[in-house]
All heavy atoms as atom14 arrays in JSON, in Angstrom:
{
  "sequence": "GPVTMTFTYGRKQMSYDEYYNADLHRRILAAKKKNGSN",
  "atom14_mask": [
    [1, 1, 1, 1, 0, 0, 0, 0, 0, 0, 0, 0, 0, 0],
    [1, 1, 1, 1, 1, 1, 1, 0, 0, 0, 0, 0, 0, 0],
    [1, 1, 1, 1, 1, 1, 1, 0, 0, 0, 0, 0, 0, 0],
    [1, 1, 1, 1, 1, 1, 1, 0, 0, 0, 0, 0, 0, 0],
    [1, 1, 1, 1, 1, 1, 1, 1, 0, 0, 0, 0, 0, 0],
    [1, 1, 1, 1, 1, 1, 1, 0, 0, 0, 0, 0, 0, 0],
    [1, 1, 1, 1, 1, 1, 1, 1, 1, 1, 1, 0, 0, 0],
    [1, 1, 1, 1, 1, 1, 1, 0, 0, 0, 0, 0, 0, 0],
    [1, 1, 1, 1, 1, 1, 1, 1, 1, 1, 1, 1, 0, 0],
    [1, 1, 1, 1, 0, 0, 0, 0, 0, 0, 0, 0, 0, 0],
    [1, 1, 1, 1, 1, 1, 1, 1, 1, 1, 1, 0, 0, 0],
    [1, 1, 1, 1, 1, 1, 1, 1, 1, 0, 0, 0, 0, 0],
    [1, 1, 1, 1, 1, 1, 1, 1, 1, 0, 0, 0, 0, 0],
    [1, 1, 1, 1, 1, 1, 1, 1, 0, 0, 0, 0, 0, 0],
    [1, 1, 1, 1, 1, 1, 0, 0, 0, 0, 0, 0, 0, 0],
    [1, 1, 1, 1, 1, 1, 1, 1, 1, 1, 1, 1, 0, 0],
    [1, 1, 1, 1, 1, 1, 1, 1, 0, 0, 0, 0, 0, 0],
    [1, 1, 1, 1, 1, 1, 1, 1, 1, 0, 0, 0, 0, 0],
    [1, 1, 1, 1, 1, 1, 1, 1, 1, 1, 1, 1, 0, 0],
    [1, 1, 1, 1, 1, 1, 1, 1, 1, 1, 1, 1, 0, 0],
    [1, 1, 1, 1, 1, 1, 1, 1, 0, 0, 0, 0, 0, 0],
    [1, 1, 1, 1, 1, 0, 0, 0, 0, 0, 0, 0, 0, 0],
    [1, 1, 1, 1, 1, 1, 1, 1, 0, 0, 0, 0, 0, 0],
    [1, 1, 1, 1, 1, 1, 1, 1, 0, 0, 0, 0, 0, 0],
    [1, 1, 1, 1, 1, 1, 1, 1, 1, 1, 0, 0, 0, 0],
    [1, 1, 1, 1, 1, 1, 1, 1, 1, 1, 1, 0, 0, 0],
    [1, 1, 1, 1, 1, 1, 1, 1, 1, 1, 1, 0, 0, 0],
    [1, 1, 1, 1, 1, 1, 1, 1, 0, 0, 0, 0, 0, 0],
    [1, 1, 1, 1, 1, 1, 1, 1, 0, 0, 0, 0, 0, 0],
    [1, 1, 1, 1, 1, 0, 0, 0, 0, 0, 0, 0, 0, 0],
    [1, 1, 1, 1, 1, 0, 0, 0, 0, 0, 0, 0, 0, 0],
    [1, 1, 1, 1, 1, 1, 1, 1, 1, 0, 0, 0, 0, 0],
    [1, 1, 1, 1, 1, 1, 1, 1, 1, 0, 0, 0, 0, 0],
    [1, 1, 1, 1, 1, 1, 1, 1, 1, 0, 0, 0, 0, 0],
    [1, 1, 1, 1, 1, 1, 1, 1, 0, 0, 0, 0, 0, 0],
    [1, 1, 1, 1, 0, 0, 0, 0, 0, 0, 0, 0, 0, 0],
    [1, 1, 1, 1, 1, 1, 0, 0, 0, 0, 0, 0, 0, 0],
    [1, 1, 1, 1, 1, 1, 1, 1, 0, 0, 0, 0, 0, 0]
  ],
  "atom14_positions": [
    [[-2.87, -10.47, 6.56], [-2.14, -11.39, 7.4], [-2.89, -11.66, 8.75], [-3.63, -10.79, 9.2], [0.0, 0.0, 0.0], [0.0, 0.0, 0.0], [0.0, 0.0, 0.0], [0.0, 0.0, 0.0], [0.0, 0.0, 0.0], [0.0, 0.0, 0.0], [0.0, 0.0, 0.0], [0.0, 0.0, 0.0], [0.0, 0.0, 0.0], [0.0, 0.0, 0.0]],
    [[-2.59, -12.77, 9.47], [-3.22, -13.1, 10.64], [-3.15, -12.09, 11.67], [-4.22, -11.67, 12.37], [-2.62, -14.46, 11.0], [-2.05, -15.02, 9.8], [-1.64, -13.85, 8.94], [0.0, 0.0, 0.0], [0.0, 0.0, 0.0], [0.0, 0.0, 0.0], [0.0, 0.0, 0.0], [0.0, 0.0, 0.0], [0.0, 0.0, 0.0], [0.0, 0.0, 0.0]],
    [[-1.94, -11.54, 11.92], [-1.79, -10.47, 12.95], [-2.54, -9.23, 12.6], [-3.37, -8.7, 13.39], [-0.33, -10.18, 13.19], [-0.15, -9.13, 14.26], [0.37, -11.41, 13.66], [0.0, 0.0, 0.0], [0.0, 0.0, 0.0], [0.0, 0.0, 0.0], [0.0, 0.0, 0.0], [0.0, 0.0, 0.0], [0.0, 0.0, 0.0], [0.0, 0.0, 0.0]],
    [[-2.45, -8.79, 11.3], [-3.09, -7.57, 10.88], [-4.59, -7.79, 10.97], [-5.3, -6.72, 11.38], [-2.63, -7.32, 9.43], [-1.18, -7.4, 9.35], [-3.05, -5.86, 9.07], [0.0, 0.0, 0.0], [0.0, 0.0, 0.0], [0.0, 0.0, 0.0], [0.0, 0.0, 0.0], [0.0, 0.0, 0.0], [0.0, 0.0, 0.0], [0.0, 0.0, 0.0]],
    [[-5.06, -8.81, 10.5], [-6.59, -8.97, 10.54], [-7.13, -8.81, 11.98], [-8.24, -8.37, 12.16], [-6.94, -10.3, 9.88], [-6.69, -10.39, 8.39], [-7.97, -9.43, 7.44], [-9.28, -10.55, 7.42], [0.0, 0.0, 0.0], [0.0, 0.0, 0.0], [0.0, 0.0, 0.0], [0.0, 0.0, 0.0], [0.0, 0.0, 0.0], [0.0, 0.0, 0.0]],
    [[-6.3, -9.31, 12.82], [-6.78, -9.18, 14.29], [-6.73, -7.71, 14.75], [-7.74, -7.27, 15.29], [-5.79, -10.01, 15.23], [-5.79, -11.3, 14.67], [-6.22, -9.95, 16.67], [0.0, 0.0, 0.0], [0.0, 0.0, 0.0], [0.0, 0.0, 0.0], [0.0, 0.0, 0.0], [0.0, 0.0, 0.0], [0.0, 0.0, 0.0], [0.0, 0.0, 0.0]],
    [[-5.64, -7.05, 14.51], [-5.48, -5.68, 14.97], [-6.43, -4.69, 14.27], [-6.66, -3.58, 14.78], [-4.07, -5.26, 14.78], [-3.0, -5.92, 15.69], [-1.69, -5.72, 15.52], [-3.53, -6.72, 16.79], [-0.78, -6.28, 16.39], [-2.58, -7.3, 17.62], [-1.23, -7.15, 17.44], [0.0, 0.0, 0.0], [0.0, 0.0, 0.0], [0.0, 0.0, 0.0]],
    [[-6.91, -5.02, 12.95], [-7.72, -4.07, 12.23], [-9.21, -4.55, 12.28], [-9.9, -4.09, 11.39], [-7.16, -3.97, 10.83], [-7.19, -5.27, 10.18], [-5.72, -3.34, 10.83], [0.0, 0.0, 0.0], [0.0, 0.0, 0.0], [0.0, 0.0, 0.0], [0.0, 0.0, 0.0], [0.0, 0.0, 0.0], [0.0, 0.0, 0.0], [0.0, 0.0, 0.0]],
    [[-9.53, -5.45, 13.08], [-10.83, -5.99, 13.19], [-11.36, -6.54, 11.74], [-12.47, -6.16, 11.37], [-11.84, -4.9, 13.75], [-11.54, -4.39, 15.14], [-10.83, -3.26, 15.29], [-11.9, -5.16, 16.15], [-10.53, -2.81, 16.59], [-11.55, -4.72, 17.51], [-10.89, -3.54, 17.7], [-10.56, -3.13, 18.98], [0.0, 0.0, 0.0], [0.0, 0.0, 0.0]],
    [[-10.58, -7.36, 11.21], [-10.95, -7.95, 9.94], [-10.82, -6.97, 8.82], [-11.73, -7.0, 7.96], [0.0, 0.0, 0.0], [0.0, 0.0, 0.0], [0.0, 0.0, 0.0], [0.0, 0.0, 0.0], [0.0, 0.0, 0.0], [0.0, 0.0, 0.0], [0.0, 0.0, 0.0], [0.0, 0.0, 0.0], [0.0, 0.0, 0.0], [0.0, 0.0, 0.0]],
    [[-9.87, -6.1, 8.81], [-9.7, -5.07, 7.75], [-10.65, -4.0, 7.7], [-10.81, -3.31, 6.64], [-9.5, -5.78, 6.42], [-8.52, -5.13, 5.47], [-8.39, -5.92, 4.17], [-7.78, -5.24, 3.18], [-8.16, -5.32, 1.82], [-9.09, -6.01, 1.46], [-7.43, -4.61, 0.9], [0.0, 0.0, 0.0], [0.0, 0.0, 0.0], [0.0, 0.0, 0.0]],
    [[-11.38, -3.77, 8.87], [-12.25, -2.66, 8.87], [-11.5, -1.37, 8.93], [-11.98, -0.25, 8.56], [-13.24, -2.77, 10.07], [-14.34, -3.75, 9.89], [-15.29, -3.84, 11.01], [-16.4, -4.79, 10.81], [-17.44, -4.77, 11.87], [0.0, 0.0, 0.0], [0.0, 0.0, 0.0], [0.0, 0.0, 0.0], [0.0, 0.0, 0.0], [0.0, 0.0, 0.0]],
    [[-10.22, -1.41, 9.44], [-9.39, -0.31, 9.4], [-8.16, -0.62, 8.48], [-7.92, -1.83, 8.13], [-8.83, -0.04, 10.82], [-9.9, 0.28, 11.85], [-9.39, 0.25, 13.31], [-8.49, -0.49, 13.63], [-9.97, 1.09, 14.1], [0.0, 0.0, 0.0], [0.0, 0.0, 0.0], [0.0, 0.0, 0.0], [0.0, 0.0, 0.0], [0.0, 0.0, 0.0]],
    [[-7.42, 0.34, 8.1], [-6.25, 0.09, 7.13], [-5.01, 0.0, 8.07], [-4.73, 0.87, 8.87], [-6.15, 1.13, 6.21], [-4.82, 1.1, 5.31], [-4.7, 2.39, 4.1], [-5.82, 1.99, 2.81], [0.0, 0.0, 0.0], [0.0, 0.0, 0.0], [0.0, 0.0, 0.0], [0.0, 0.0, 0.0], [0.0, 0.0, 0.0], [0.0, 0.0, 0.0]],
    [[-4.22, -1.02, 7.87], [-3.02, -1.2, 8.57], [-1.9, -0.34, 7.94], [-2.02, 0.12, 6.81], [-2.57, -2.65, 8.56], [-2.2, -3.15, 7.26], [0.0, 0.0, 0.0], [0.0, 0.0, 0.0], [0.0, 0.0, 0.0], [0.0, 0.0, 0.0], [0.0, 0.0, 0.0], [0.0, 0.0, 0.0], [0.0, 0.0, 0.0], [0.0, 0.0, 0.0]],
    [[-0.81, -0.29, 8.64], [0.28, 0.47, 8.12], [1.0, -0.36, 7.02], [1.62, 0.16, 6.12], [1.3, 0.81, 9.19], [0.99, 2.2, 9.81], [0.38, 2.2, 11.01], [1.19, 3.35, 9.05], [0.11, 3.49, 11.66], [0.93, 4.57, 9.61], [0.27, 4.67, 10.95], [-0.04, 5.92, 11.43], [0.0, 0.0, 0.0], [0.0, 0.0, 0.0]],
    [[0.88, -1.74, 7.05], [1.39, -2.52, 6.03], [0.71, -2.18, 4.71], [1.46, -2.03, 3.72], [1.14, -4.0, 6.32], [1.99, -4.62, 7.35], [3.13, -4.04, 7.67], [1.67, -5.65, 8.0], [0.0, 0.0, 0.0], [0.0, 0.0, 0.0], [0.0, 0.0, 0.0], [0.0, 0.0, 0.0], [0.0, 0.0, 0.0], [0.0, 0.0, 0.0]],
    [[-0.62, -2.19, 4.77], [-1.28, -1.78, 3.48], [-1.1, -0.32, 3.07], [-0.96, 0.02, 1.99], [-2.82, -2.04, 3.74], [-3.66, -1.81, 2.4], [-5.14, -2.19, 2.64], [-5.52, -2.51, 3.7], [-5.86, -2.01, 1.58], [0.0, 0.0, 0.0], [0.0, 0.0, 0.0], [0.0, 0.0, 0.0], [0.0, 0.0, 0.0], [0.0, 0.0, 0.0]],
    [[-1.07, 0.58, 4.08], [-0.94, 2.02, 3.9], [0.41, 2.29, 3.08], [0.44, 3.0, 2.05], [-0.91, 2.78, 5.19], [-0.62, 4.2, 5.06], [-1.64, 5.13, 4.85], [0.73, 4.71, 5.2], [-1.37, 6.52, 4.79], [0.88, 6.04, 5.05], [-0.05, 6.96, 4.87], [0.22, 8.31, 4.84], [0.0, 0.0, 0.0], [0.0, 0.0, 0.0]],
    [[1.55, 1.67, 3.56], [2.87, 1.96, 2.99], [2.99, 1.13, 1.68], [3.83, 1.52, 0.81], [3.99, 1.73, 3.97], [4.22, 3.03, 4.81], [3.85, 3.04, 6.13], [4.71, 4.19, 4.16], [4.13, 4.26, 6.91], [4.91, 5.33, 4.9], [4.55, 5.35, 6.28], [4.77, 6.5, 6.85], [0.0, 0.0, 0.0], [0.0, 0.0, 0.0]],
    [[2.37, 0.04, 1.63], [2.43, -0.79, 0.3], [1.77, 0.13, -0.74], [2.23, 0.24, -1.91], [1.77, -2.1, 0.4], [1.86, -2.91, -0.9], [3.05, -3.26, -1.32], [0.73, -3.16, -1.51], [0.0, 0.0, 0.0], [0.0, 0.0, 0.0], [0.0, 0.0, 0.0], [0.0, 0.0, 0.0], [0.0, 0.0, 0.0], [0.0, 0.0, 0.0]],
    [[0.55, 0.69, -0.5], [-0.15, 1.53, -1.45], [0.7, 2.8, -1.72], [0.81, 3.11, -2.91], [-1.47, 1.95, -0.85], [0.0, 0.0, 0.0], [0.0, 0.0, 0.0], [0.0, 0.0, 0.0], [0.0, 0.0, 0.0], [0.0, 0.0, 0.0], [0.0, 0.0, 0.0], [0.0, 0.0, 0.0], [0.0, 0.0, 0.0], [0.0, 0.0, 0.0]],
    [[1.36, 3.3, -0.71], [2.2, 4.45, -0.97], [3.38, 4.16, -1.99], [3.71, 4.95, -2.83], [2.87, 4.93, 0.34], [3.71, 6.19, 0.23], [3.18, 7.24, -0.08], [4.97, 6.01, 0.34], [0.0, 0.0, 0.0], [0.0, 0.0, 0.0], [0.0, 0.0, 0.0], [0.0, 0.0, 0.0], [0.0, 0.0, 0.0], [0.0, 0.0, 0.0]],
    [[3.97, 2.92, -1.76], [5.02, 2.57, -2.55], [4.57, 2.41, -3.97], [5.25, 2.9, -4.94], [5.65, 1.18, -2.19], [6.74, 0.6, -3.05], [7.97, 1.48, -3.07], [7.08, -0.79, -2.56], [0.0, 0.0, 0.0], [0.0, 0.0, 0.0], [0.0, 0.0, 0.0], [0.0, 0.0, 0.0], [0.0, 0.0, 0.0], [0.0, 0.0, 0.0]],
    [[3.47, 1.87, -4.2], [2.97, 1.57, -5.61], [2.51, 3.0, -6.29], [2.74, 3.12, -7.52], [1.92, 0.59, -5.66], [2.35, -0.81, -5.64], [2.96, -1.4, -6.57], [2.17, -1.7, -4.62], [3.29, -2.71, -6.28], [2.92, -2.78, -5.01], [0.0, 0.0, 0.0], [0.0, 0.0, 0.0], [0.0, 0.0, 0.0], [0.0, 0.0, 0.0]],
    [[2.02, 3.93, -5.47], [1.82, 5.21, -6.07], [3.1, 5.92, -6.49], [3.11, 6.53, -7.51], [1.05, 6.06, -4.99], [-0.37, 5.71, -4.87], [-1.17, 6.77, -4.03], [-0.69, 6.88, -2.71], [-1.35, 6.16, -1.65], [-2.39, 5.44, -1.94], [-0.91, 6.19, -0.51], [0.0, 0.0, 0.0], [0.0, 0.0, 0.0], [0.0, 0.0, 0.0]],
    [[4.04, 5.77, -5.69], [5.42, 6.32, -6.09], [5.98, 5.68, -7.38], [6.54, 6.33, -8.28], [6.37, 6.24, -4.92], [5.97, 6.9, -3.71], [6.91, 6.62, -2.5], [8.17, 7.32, -2.69], [8.59, 8.37, -1.97], [7.77, 8.75, -0.89], [9.68, 8.92, -2.11], [0.0, 0.0, 0.0], [0.0, 0.0, 0.0], [0.0, 0.0, 0.0]],
    [[5.81, 4.41, -7.42], [6.37, 3.71, -8.64], [5.54, 4.17, -9.94], [6.2, 4.49, -10.95], [6.15, 2.16, -8.51], [7.13, 1.63, -7.49], [6.37, 1.46, -9.87], [6.91, 0.18, -7.05], [0.0, 0.0, 0.0], [0.0, 0.0, 0.0], [0.0, 0.0, 0.0], [0.0, 0.0, 0.0], [0.0, 0.0, 0.0], [0.0, 0.0, 0.0]],
    [[4.21, 4.26, -9.82], [3.4, 4.72, -10.94], [3.79, 6.14, -11.34], [3.84, 6.47, -12.49], [1.98, 4.6, -10.64], [1.34, 3.17, -10.5], [-0.08, 3.24, -10.04], [1.39, 2.52, -11.95], [0.0, 0.0, 0.0], [0.0, 0.0, 0.0], [0.0, 0.0, 0.0], [0.0, 0.0, 0.0], [0.0, 0.0, 0.0], [0.0, 0.0, 0.0]],
    [[3.97, 6.97, -10.34], [4.33, 8.32, -10.61], [5.68, 8.45, -11.33], [5.92, 9.28, -12.25], [4.29, 9.12, -9.36], [0.0, 0.0, 0.0], [0.0, 0.0, 0.0], [0.0, 0.0, 0.0], [0.0, 0.0, 0.0], [0.0, 0.0, 0.0], [0.0, 0.0, 0.0], [0.0, 0.0, 0.0], [0.0, 0.0, 0.0], [0.0, 0.0, 0.0]],
    [[6.62, 7.7, -10.82], [8.01, 7.62, -11.42], [7.94, 7.14, -12.81], [8.64, 7.75, -13.7], [8.94, 6.84, -10.57], [0.0, 0.0, 0.0], [0.0, 0.0, 0.0], [0.0, 0.0, 0.0], [0.0, 0.0, 0.0], [0.0, 0.0, 0.0], [0.0, 0.0, 0.0], [0.0, 0.0, 0.0], [0.0, 0.0, 0.0], [0.0, 0.0, 0.0]],
    [[7.2, 6.18, -13.17], [7.09, 5.66, -14.53], [6.55, 6.72, -15.41], [6.99, 7.02, -16.56], [6.16, 4.44, -14.44], [6.77, 3.15, -13.92], [5.89, 2.0, -14.11], [5.43, 1.66, -15.53], [4.58, 0.49, -15.6], [0.0, 0.0, 0.0], [0.0, 0.0, 0.0], [0.0, 0.0, 0.0], [0.0, 0.0, 0.0], [0.0, 0.0, 0.0]],
    [[5.48, 7.42, -15.02], [4.88, 8.42, -15.76], [5.81, 9.64, -16.03], [6.0, 10.12, -17.14], [3.57, 8.93, -15.09], [2.86, 9.96, -15.9], [1.51, 10.33, -15.2], [0.79, 11.36, -16.03], [-0.55, 11.76, -15.31], [0.0, 0.0, 0.0], [0.0, 0.0, 0.0], [0.0, 0.0, 0.0], [0.0, 0.0, 0.0], [0.0, 0.0, 0.0]],
    [[6.46, 10.1, -14.94], [7.36, 11.29, -15.09], [8.61, 10.98, -15.83], [9.04, 11.82, -16.58], [7.8, 11.65, -13.6], [8.77, 12.74, -13.59], [9.16, 13.1, -12.19], [10.15, 14.3, -12.09], [10.59, 14.63, -10.69], [0.0, 0.0, 0.0], [0.0, 0.0, 0.0], [0.0, 0.0, 0.0], [0.0, 0.0, 0.0], [0.0, 0.0, 0.0]],
    [[9.12, 9.7, -15.7], [10.43, 9.43, -16.44], [10.24, 8.64, -17.71], [11.22, 8.21, -18.29], [11.29, 8.61, -15.47], [11.51, 9.39, -14.24], [11.54, 10.66, -14.2], [12.0, 8.69, -13.17], [0.0, 0.0, 0.0], [0.0, 0.0, 0.0], [0.0, 0.0, 0.0], [0.0, 0.0, 0.0], [0.0, 0.0, 0.0], [0.0, 0.0, 0.0]],
    [[9.04, 8.48, -18.16], [8.83, 7.83, -19.54], [9.13, 6.36, -19.47], [9.83, 5.84, -20.42], [0.0, 0.0, 0.0], [0.0, 0.0, 0.0], [0.0, 0.0, 0.0], [0.0, 0.0, 0.0], [0.0, 0.0, 0.0], [0.0, 0.0, 0.0], [0.0, 0.0, 0.0], [0.0, 0.0, 0.0], [0.0, 0.0, 0.0], [0.0, 0.0, 0.0]],
    [[8.8, 5.61, -18.42], [9.18, 4.28, -18.31], [8.01, 3.33, -18.62], [6.85, 3.6, -18.17], [9.68, 3.98, -16.85], [9.92, 2.61, -16.68], [0.0, 0.0, 0.0], [0.0, 0.0, 0.0], [0.0, 0.0, 0.0], [0.0, 0.0, 0.0], [0.0, 0.0, 0.0], [0.0, 0.0, 0.0], [0.0, 0.0, 0.0], [0.0, 0.0, 0.0]],
    [[8.27, 2.27, -19.28], [7.28, 1.22, -19.58], [7.65, -0.13, -18.73], [7.27, -1.19, -19.17], [7.24, 0.8, -21.08], [6.72, 2.04, -21.85], [5.79, 2.59, -21.55], [7.47, 2.25, -22.99], [0.0, 0.0, 0.0], [0.0, 0.0, 0.0], [0.0, 0.0, 0.0], [0.0, 0.0, 0.0], [0.0, 0.0, 0.0], [0.0, 0.0, 0.0]]
  ]
}
């Protein structure tokens, strides 16, 4: 996003938006595997 690209010098750093989005998807994948979900 425009604000994030500014604050992270063009994504040279990872923003908290990206950090927590990745964290959410890791949790979803882990829950699917653990609970037998397709």
